[in-house]
C-alpha atoms as a PDB file:
ATOM      1  CA  MET A   1     -69.819  76.229   8.085  1.00  0.00           C
ATOM      2  CA  ALA A   2     -68.904  79.713   9.061  1.00  0.00           C
ATOM      3  CA  ILE A   3     -65.853  80.627  11.113  1.00  0.00           C
ATOM      4  CA  THR A   4     -66.352  83.325  13.642  1.00  0.00           C
ATOM      5  CA  GLU A   5     -64.027  86.257  13.919  1.00  0.00           C
ATOM      6  CA  ARG A   6     -62.767  84.972  17.254  1.00  0.00           C
ATOM      7  CA  ASP A   7     -61.914  81.536  15.803  1.00  0.00           C
ATOM      8  CA  ARG A   8     -60.228  83.191  12.803  1.00  0.00           C
ATOM      9  CA  ARG A   9     -57.938  85.231  15.132  1.00  0.00           C
ATOM     10  CA  ALA A  10     -57.170  82.116  17.143  1.00  0.00           C
ATOM     11  CA  LEU A  11     -56.242  80.225  13.967  1.00  0.00           C
ATOM     12  CA  ILE A  12     -54.071  83.079  12.714  1.00  0.00           C
ATOM     13  CA  LEU A  13     -52.299  83.494  16.066  1.00  0.00           C
ATOM     14  CA  GLY A  14     -51.905  79.712  16.420  1.00  0.00           C
ATOM     15  CA  GLY A  15     -50.570  79.443  12.859  1.00  0.00           C
ATOM     16  CA  ALA A  16     -48.183  82.331  13.499  1.00  0.00           C
ATOM     17  CA  ALA A  17     -46.984  80.697  16.720  1.00  0.00           C
ATOM     18  CA  VAL A  18     -46.448  77.369  14.942  1.00  0.00           C
ATOM     19  CA  GLY A  19     -44.637  79.238  12.139  1.00  0.00           C
ATOM     20  CA  VAL A  20     -42.340  81.012  14.600  1.00  0.00           C
ATOM     21  CA  ILE A  21     -41.567  77.698  16.317  1.00  0.00           C
ATOM     22  CA  ALA A  22     -40.903  76.058  12.942  1.00  0.00           C
ATOM     23  CA  VAL A  23     -38.605  78.924  11.860  1.00  0.00           C
ATOM     24  CA  TYR A  24     -36.716  78.660  15.170  1.00  0.00           C
ATOM     25  CA  PHE A  25     -36.165  74.881  14.982  1.00  0.00           C
ATOM     26  CA  ALA A  26     -35.634  74.754  11.196  1.00  0.00           C
ATOM     27  CA  GLY A  27     -33.551  77.894  10.760  1.00  0.00           C
ATOM     28  CA  ILE A  28     -32.233  79.579  13.895  1.00  0.00           C
ATOM     29  CA  GLU A  29     -31.283  76.501  15.974  1.00  0.00           C
ATOM     30  CA  PRO A  30     -29.150  74.886  13.207  1.00  0.00           C
ATOM     31  CA  LEU A  31     -27.428  78.215  12.535  1.00  0.00           C
ATOM     32  CA  TRP A  32     -26.689  78.609  16.248  1.00  0.00           C
ATOM     33  CA  GLU A  33     -25.195  75.078  16.403  1.00  0.00           C
ATOM     34  CA  LYS A  34     -23.060  75.795  13.302  1.00  0.00           C
ATOM     35  CA  TYR A  35     -21.872  79.026  14.906  1.00  0.00           C
ATOM     36  CA  ASP A  36     -20.957  77.186  18.134  1.00  0.00           C
ATOM     37  CA  ARG A  37     -19.024  74.545  16.148  1.00  0.00           C
ATOM     38  CA  LEU A  38     -17.263  77.287  14.172  1.00  0.00           C
ATOM     39  CA  VAL A  39     -16.287  79.140  17.359  1.00  0.00           C
ATOM     40  CA  SER A  40     -15.019  75.974  19.082  1.00  0.00           C
ATOM     41  CA  LYS A  41     -13.082  74.915  15.951  1.00  0.00           C
ATOM     42  CA  HIS A  42     -11.552  78.383  15.725  1.00  0.00           C
ATOM     43  CA  GLN A  43     -10.568  78.236  19.404  1.00  0.00           C
ATOM     44  CA  ALA A  44      -8.990  74.798  18.959  1.00  0.00           C
ATOM     45  CA  ASN A  45      -7.076  75.991  15.878  1.00  0.00           C
ATOM     46  CA  ALA A  46      -5.921  79.125  17.708  1.00  0.00           C
ATOM     47  CA  THR A  47      -4.724  77.012  20.655  1.00  0.00           C
ATOM     48  CA  THR A  48      -2.864  74.678  18.294  1.00  0.00           C
ATOM     49  CA  MET A  49      -1.278  77.640  16.515  1.00  0.00           C
ATOM     50  CA  VAL A  50      -0.132  79.155  19.810  1.00  0.00           C
ATOM     51  CA  ARG A  51       1.329  75.792  20.879  1.00  0.00           C
ATOM     52  CA  VAL A  52       3.198  75.487  17.565  1.00  0.00           C
ATOM     53  CA  LEU A  53       4.584  79.018  17.863  1.00  0.00           C
ATOM     54  CA  VAL A  54       5.658  78.453  21.480  1.00  0.00           C
ATOM     55  CA  ASN A  55       7.363  75.173  20.537  1.00  0.00           C
ATOM     56  CA  GLU A  56       9.152  76.869  17.626  1.00  0.00           C
ATOM     57  CA  ARG A  57      10.382  79.641  19.912  1.00  0.00           C
ATOM     58  CA  LYS A  58      11.480  77.071  22.500  1.00  0.00           C
ATOM     59  CA  ALA A  59      13.316  75.108  19.828  1.00  0.00           C
ATOM     60  CA  ASP A  60      15.080  78.268  18.614  1.00  0.00           C
ATOM     61  CA  TYR A  61      15.989  79.227  22.187  1.00  0.00           C
ATOM     62  CA  TYR A  62      17.296  75.743  23.012  1.00  0.00           C
ATOM     63  CA  ALA A  63      19.256  75.574  19.761  1.00  0.00           C
ATOM     64  CA  GLU A  64      20.870  78.898  20.654  1.00  0.00           C
ATOM     65  CA  GLN A  65      21.647  77.698  24.193  1.00  0.00           C
ATOM     66  CA  VAL A  66      23.123  74.435  22.898  1.00  0.00           C
ATOM     67  CA  SER A  67      25.351  76.252  20.412  1.00  0.00           C
ATOM     68  CA  GLU A  68      26.589  78.610  23.157  1.00  0.00           C
ATOM     69  CA  LEU A  69      27.325  75.672  25.458  1.00  0.00           C
ATOM     70  CA  GLU A  70      29.028  73.741  22.652  1.00  0.00           C
ATOM     71  CA  GLU A  71      31.323  76.737  22.092  1.00  0.00           C
ATOM     72  CA  LYS A  72      32.304  76.638  25.765  1.00  0.00           C
ATOM     73  CA  VAL A  73      32.643  72.911  26.449  1.00  0.00           C
ATOM     74  CA  GLY A  74      32.791  71.228  23.064  1.00  0.00           C
ATOM     75  CA  GLU A  75      30.347  69.402  20.856  1.00  0.00           C
ATOM     76  CA  LEU A  76      27.588  67.301  22.423  1.00  0.00           C
ATOM     77  CA  SER A  77      27.895  63.578  22.060  1.00  0.00           C
ATOM     78  CA  PRO A  78      24.966  61.757  20.460  1.00  0.00           C
ATOM     79  CA  PRO A  79      22.913  59.370  22.605  1.00  0.00           C
ATOM     80  CA  ARG A  80      24.108  55.779  22.705  1.00  0.00           C
ATOM     81  CA  PRO A  81      22.118  52.540  22.763  1.00  0.00           C
ATOM     82  CA  TYR A  82      20.878  51.294  26.131  1.00  0.00           C
ATOM     83  CA  SER A  83      23.462  48.570  26.801  1.00  0.00           C
ATOM     84  CA  GLU A  84      26.390  50.749  25.773  1.00  0.00           C
ATOM     85  CA  GLN A  85      25.229  53.795  27.782  1.00  0.00           C
ATOM     86  CA  ILE A  86      24.373  51.811  30.934  1.00  0.00           C
ATOM     87  CA  THR A  87      27.760  50.066  30.850  1.00  0.00           C
ATOM     88  CA  ALA A  88      29.655  53.337  30.372  1.00  0.00           C
ATOM     89  CA  VAL A  89      27.739  55.185  33.094  1.00  0.00           C
ATOM     90  CA  SER A  90      28.000  52.241  35.522  1.00  0.00           C
ATOM     91  CA  GLU A  91      31.780  52.233  35.108  1.00  0.00           C
ATOM     92  CA  LYS A  92      31.863  55.979  35.774  1.00  0.00           C
ATOM     93  CA  VAL A  93      29.685  55.508  38.888  1.00  0.00           C
ATOM     94  CA  VAL A  94      32.143  52.914  40.241  1.00  0.00           C
ATOM     95  CA  THR A  95      35.054  55.282  39.569  1.00  0.00           C
ATOM     96  CA  ALA A  96      33.224  58.194  41.244  1.00  0.00           C
ATOM     97  CA  ALA A  97      32.446  55.993  44.254  1.00  0.00           C
ATOM     98  CA  GLN A  98      36.110  55.005  44.614  1.00  0.00           C
ATOM     99  CA  GLN A  99      37.281  58.625  44.281  1.00  0.00           C
ATOM    100  CA  SER A 100      34.685  59.818  46.807  1.00  0.00           C
ATOM    101  CA  GLY A 101      35.665  57.159  49.337  1.00  0.00           C
ATOM    102  CA  ILE A 102      32.305  55.433  49.646  1.00  0.00           C
ATOM    103  CA  LYS A 103      31.726  51.707  49.798  1.00  0.00           C
ATOM    104  CA  LEU A 104      29.587  50.771  46.808  1.00  0.00           C
ATOM    105  CA  GLN A 105      27.393  47.783  47.636  1.00  0.00           C
ATOM    106  CA  GLY A 106      25.661  47.447  44.314  1.00  0.00           C
ATOM    107  CA  SER A 107      24.105  49.117  41.345  1.00  0.00           C
ATOM    108  CA  SER A 108      21.281  47.773  39.227  1.00  0.00           C
ATOM    109  CA  PRO A 109      19.985  49.286  36.009  1.00  0.00           C
ATOM    110  CA  THR A 110      16.308  49.448  35.113  1.00  0.00           C
ATOM    111  CA  GLY A 111      14.759  49.140  31.687  1.00  0.00           C
ATOM    112  CA  PRO A 112      14.330  52.212  29.519  1.00  0.00           C
ATOM    113  CA  LEU A 113      11.092  54.189  29.359  1.00  0.00           C
ATOM    114  CA  ALA A 114       9.961  56.560  26.617  1.00  0.00           C
ATOM    115  CA  TRP A 115      11.252  60.120  26.959  1.00  0.00           C
ATOM    116  CA  PRO A 116       8.207  62.410  26.610  1.00  0.00           C
ATOM    117  CA  ASP A 117       9.970  65.323  24.908  1.00  0.00           C
ATOM    118  CA  ASP A 118      11.851  63.419  22.215  1.00  0.00           C
ATOM    119  CA  PRO A 119      10.843  60.165  20.511  1.00  0.00           C
ATOM    120  CA  GLU A 120      14.487  59.424  19.686  1.00  0.00           C
ATOM    121  CA  LEU A 121      15.427  59.166  23.377  1.00  0.00           C
ATOM    122  CA  GLN A 122      14.532  56.951  26.306  1.00  0.00           C
ATOM    123  CA  GLN A 123      15.227  57.318  30.011  1.00  0.00           C
ATOM    124  CA  ALA A 124      16.736  54.522  32.045  1.00  0.00           C
ATOM    125  CA  SER A 125      17.697  54.495  35.716  1.00  0.00           C
ATOM    126  CA  ILE A 126      20.502  53.023  37.780  1.00  0.00           C
ATOM    127  CA  ILE A 127      19.712  52.227  41.418  1.00  0.00           C
ATOM    128  CA  ILE A 128      22.817  52.605  43.596  1.00  0.00           C
ATOM    129  CA  ASP A 129      23.301  51.159  47.102  1.00  0.00           C
ATOM    130  CA  ALA A 130      26.292  52.315  49.147  1.00  0.00           C
ATOM    131  CA  GLU A 131      27.672  53.080  52.615  1.00  0.00           C
ATOM    132  CA  ALA A 132      29.684  56.134  53.558  1.00  0.00           C
ATOM    133  CA  ASP A 133      30.390  58.856  56.059  1.00  0.00           C
ATOM    134  CA  TRP A 134      28.245  61.992  56.007  1.00  0.00           C
ATOM    135  CA  GLU A 135      30.690  64.207  54.087  1.00  0.00           C
ATOM    136  CA  LYS A 136      31.562  61.533  51.555  1.00  0.00           C
ATOM    137  CA  VAL A 137      27.906  61.003  50.630  1.00  0.00           C
ATOM    138  CA  PHE A 138      27.557  64.553  49.375  1.00  0.00           C
ATOM    139  CA  LYS A 139      30.953  64.446  47.699  1.00  0.00           C
ATOM    140  CA  PHE A 140      29.717  61.375  45.813  1.00  0.00           C
ATOM    141  CA  VAL A 141      26.409  63.030  44.827  1.00  0.00           C
ATOM    142  CA  ALA A 142      28.308  66.088  43.550  1.00  0.00           C
ATOM    143  CA  ALA A 143      30.590  63.781  41.534  1.00  0.00           C
ATOM    144  CA  LEU A 144      27.536  62.049  40.029  1.00  0.00           C
ATOM    145  CA  TYR A 145      26.214  65.337  38.687  1.00  0.00           C
ATOM    146  CA  ARG A 146      29.525  65.921  36.897  1.00  0.00           C
ATOM    147  CA  LEU A 147      29.468  62.570  35.099  1.00  0.00           C
ATOM    148  CA  GLU A 148      28.717  62.571  31.396  1.00  0.00           C
ATOM    149  CA  GLY A 149      25.571  60.602  30.669  1.00  0.00           C
ATOM    150  CA  ILE A 150      23.777  61.150  33.994  1.00  0.00           C
ATOM    151  CA  LEU A 151      20.752  63.364  33.666  1.00  0.00           C
ATOM    152  CA  SER A 152      19.876  63.781  37.346  1.00  0.00           C
ATOM    153  CA  VAL A 153      19.643  62.161  40.750  1.00  0.00           C
ATOM    154  CA  GLU A 154      15.986  61.179  40.992  1.00  0.00           C
ATOM    155  CA  GLN A 155      15.683  59.767  44.523  1.00  0.00           C
ATOM    156  CA  MET A 156      17.985  59.697  47.491  1.00  0.00           C
ATOM    157  CA  GLU A 157      17.458  57.935  50.811  1.00  0.00           C
ATOM    158  CA  LEU A 158      19.870  58.201  53.738  1.00  0.00           C
ATOM    159  CA  THR A 159      19.549  56.041  56.830  1.00  0.00           C
ATOM    160  CA  GLY A 160      21.838  55.691  59.807  1.00  0.00           C
ATOM    161  CA  LYS A 161      23.472  57.954  62.353  1.00  0.00           C
ATOM    162  CA  PRO A 162      24.819  61.198  60.890  1.00  0.00           C
ATOM    163  CA  LYS A 163      27.264  61.858  63.762  1.00  0.00           C
ATOM    164  CA  GLY A 164      30.195  59.486  63.683  1.00  0.00           C
ATOM    165  CA  GLY A 165      28.334  56.582  62.091  1.00  0.00           C
ATOM    166  CA  ARG A 166      28.157  55.276  58.591  1.00  0.00           C
ATOM    167  CA  LEU A 167      25.131  56.113  56.497  1.00  0.00           C
ATOM    168  CA  THR A 168      23.357  53.747  54.183  1.00  0.00           C
ATOM    169  CA  LEU A 169      22.770  55.484  50.884  1.00  0.00           C
ATOM    170  CA  LYS A 170      20.245  54.459  48.271  1.00  0.00           C
ATOM    171  CA  LEU A 171      19.775  56.660  45.231  1.00  0.00           C
ATOM    172  CA  THR A 172      18.527  56.503  41.684  1.00  0.00           C
ATOM    173  CA  VAL A 173      20.180  58.301  38.791  1.00  0.00           C
ATOM    174  CA  SER A 174      18.529  58.771  35.424  1.00  0.00           C
ATOM    175  CA  VAL A 175      20.356  58.190  32.157  1.00  0.00           C
ATOM    176  CA  LEU A 176      19.298  59.165  28.640  1.00  0.00           C
ATOM    177  CA  VAL A 177      19.698  56.459  26.003  1.00  0.00           C
ATOM    178  CA  GLU A 178      18.978  56.190  22.322  1.00  0.00           C
ATOM    179  CA  ALA A 179      15.542  54.768  21.524  1.00  0.00           C
ATOM    180  CA  PRO A 180      15.638  51.641  19.375  1.00  0.00           C
ATOM    181  CA  GLU A 181      14.242  51.941  15.886  1.00  0.00           C
ATOM    182  CA  GLN A 182      10.629  50.863  15.548  1.00  0.00           C
ATOM    183  CA  SER A 183      10.206  47.491  13.933  1.00  0.00           C
ATOM    184  CA  ASP A 184       7.308  46.484  11.713  1.00  0.00           C
ATOM    185  CA  HIS A 185       7.109  43.139  13.481  1.00  0.00           C
ATOM    186  CA  ARG A 186       4.399  43.302  16.139  1.00  0.00           C
ATOM    187  CA  TRP A 187       6.342  41.151  18.662  1.00  0.00           C
ATOM    188  CA  ALA A 188       9.625  43.038  18.296  1.00  0.00           C
ATOM    189  CA  SER A 189       8.993  45.493  21.100  1.00  0.00           C
END
């Protein structure tokens, strides 16, 4: 059986086309995927490296700031366990309320939550209910910010008449406490 010149060209062109397709899927496509993986891995490593460098610079900056502040006001006290810190801060809140002239109606602590920036710390809150005159409310809030152990005033709600009437004050202060050590027992936490 003889193959015509036209059929021979068709077979050669078809074989060449199949060969090009085979080279693309067997050689070029896998190389392209490897290159994409290499580029994405490099980008992820570069991002991680930048994050590490930024965190190192932040840590150096904060260490410098802490040492400057310690020179001015004295050495920082280490965090205390939850029960000890909540008791100490609650006593200071009562004292600040008495000095500010507000009527403290109650304070209730909440359980600690993990502190995202430091695994050795947790954040707890104390919810304070009180009544006071307009000026005394802000005197009390200013006194809270000066108390050792209070991180910040998280929420503050005032209700009542500001002119001549007593205001009902409800606020939440956050307190940093020492995180308990992790136990190997699965029911310990």
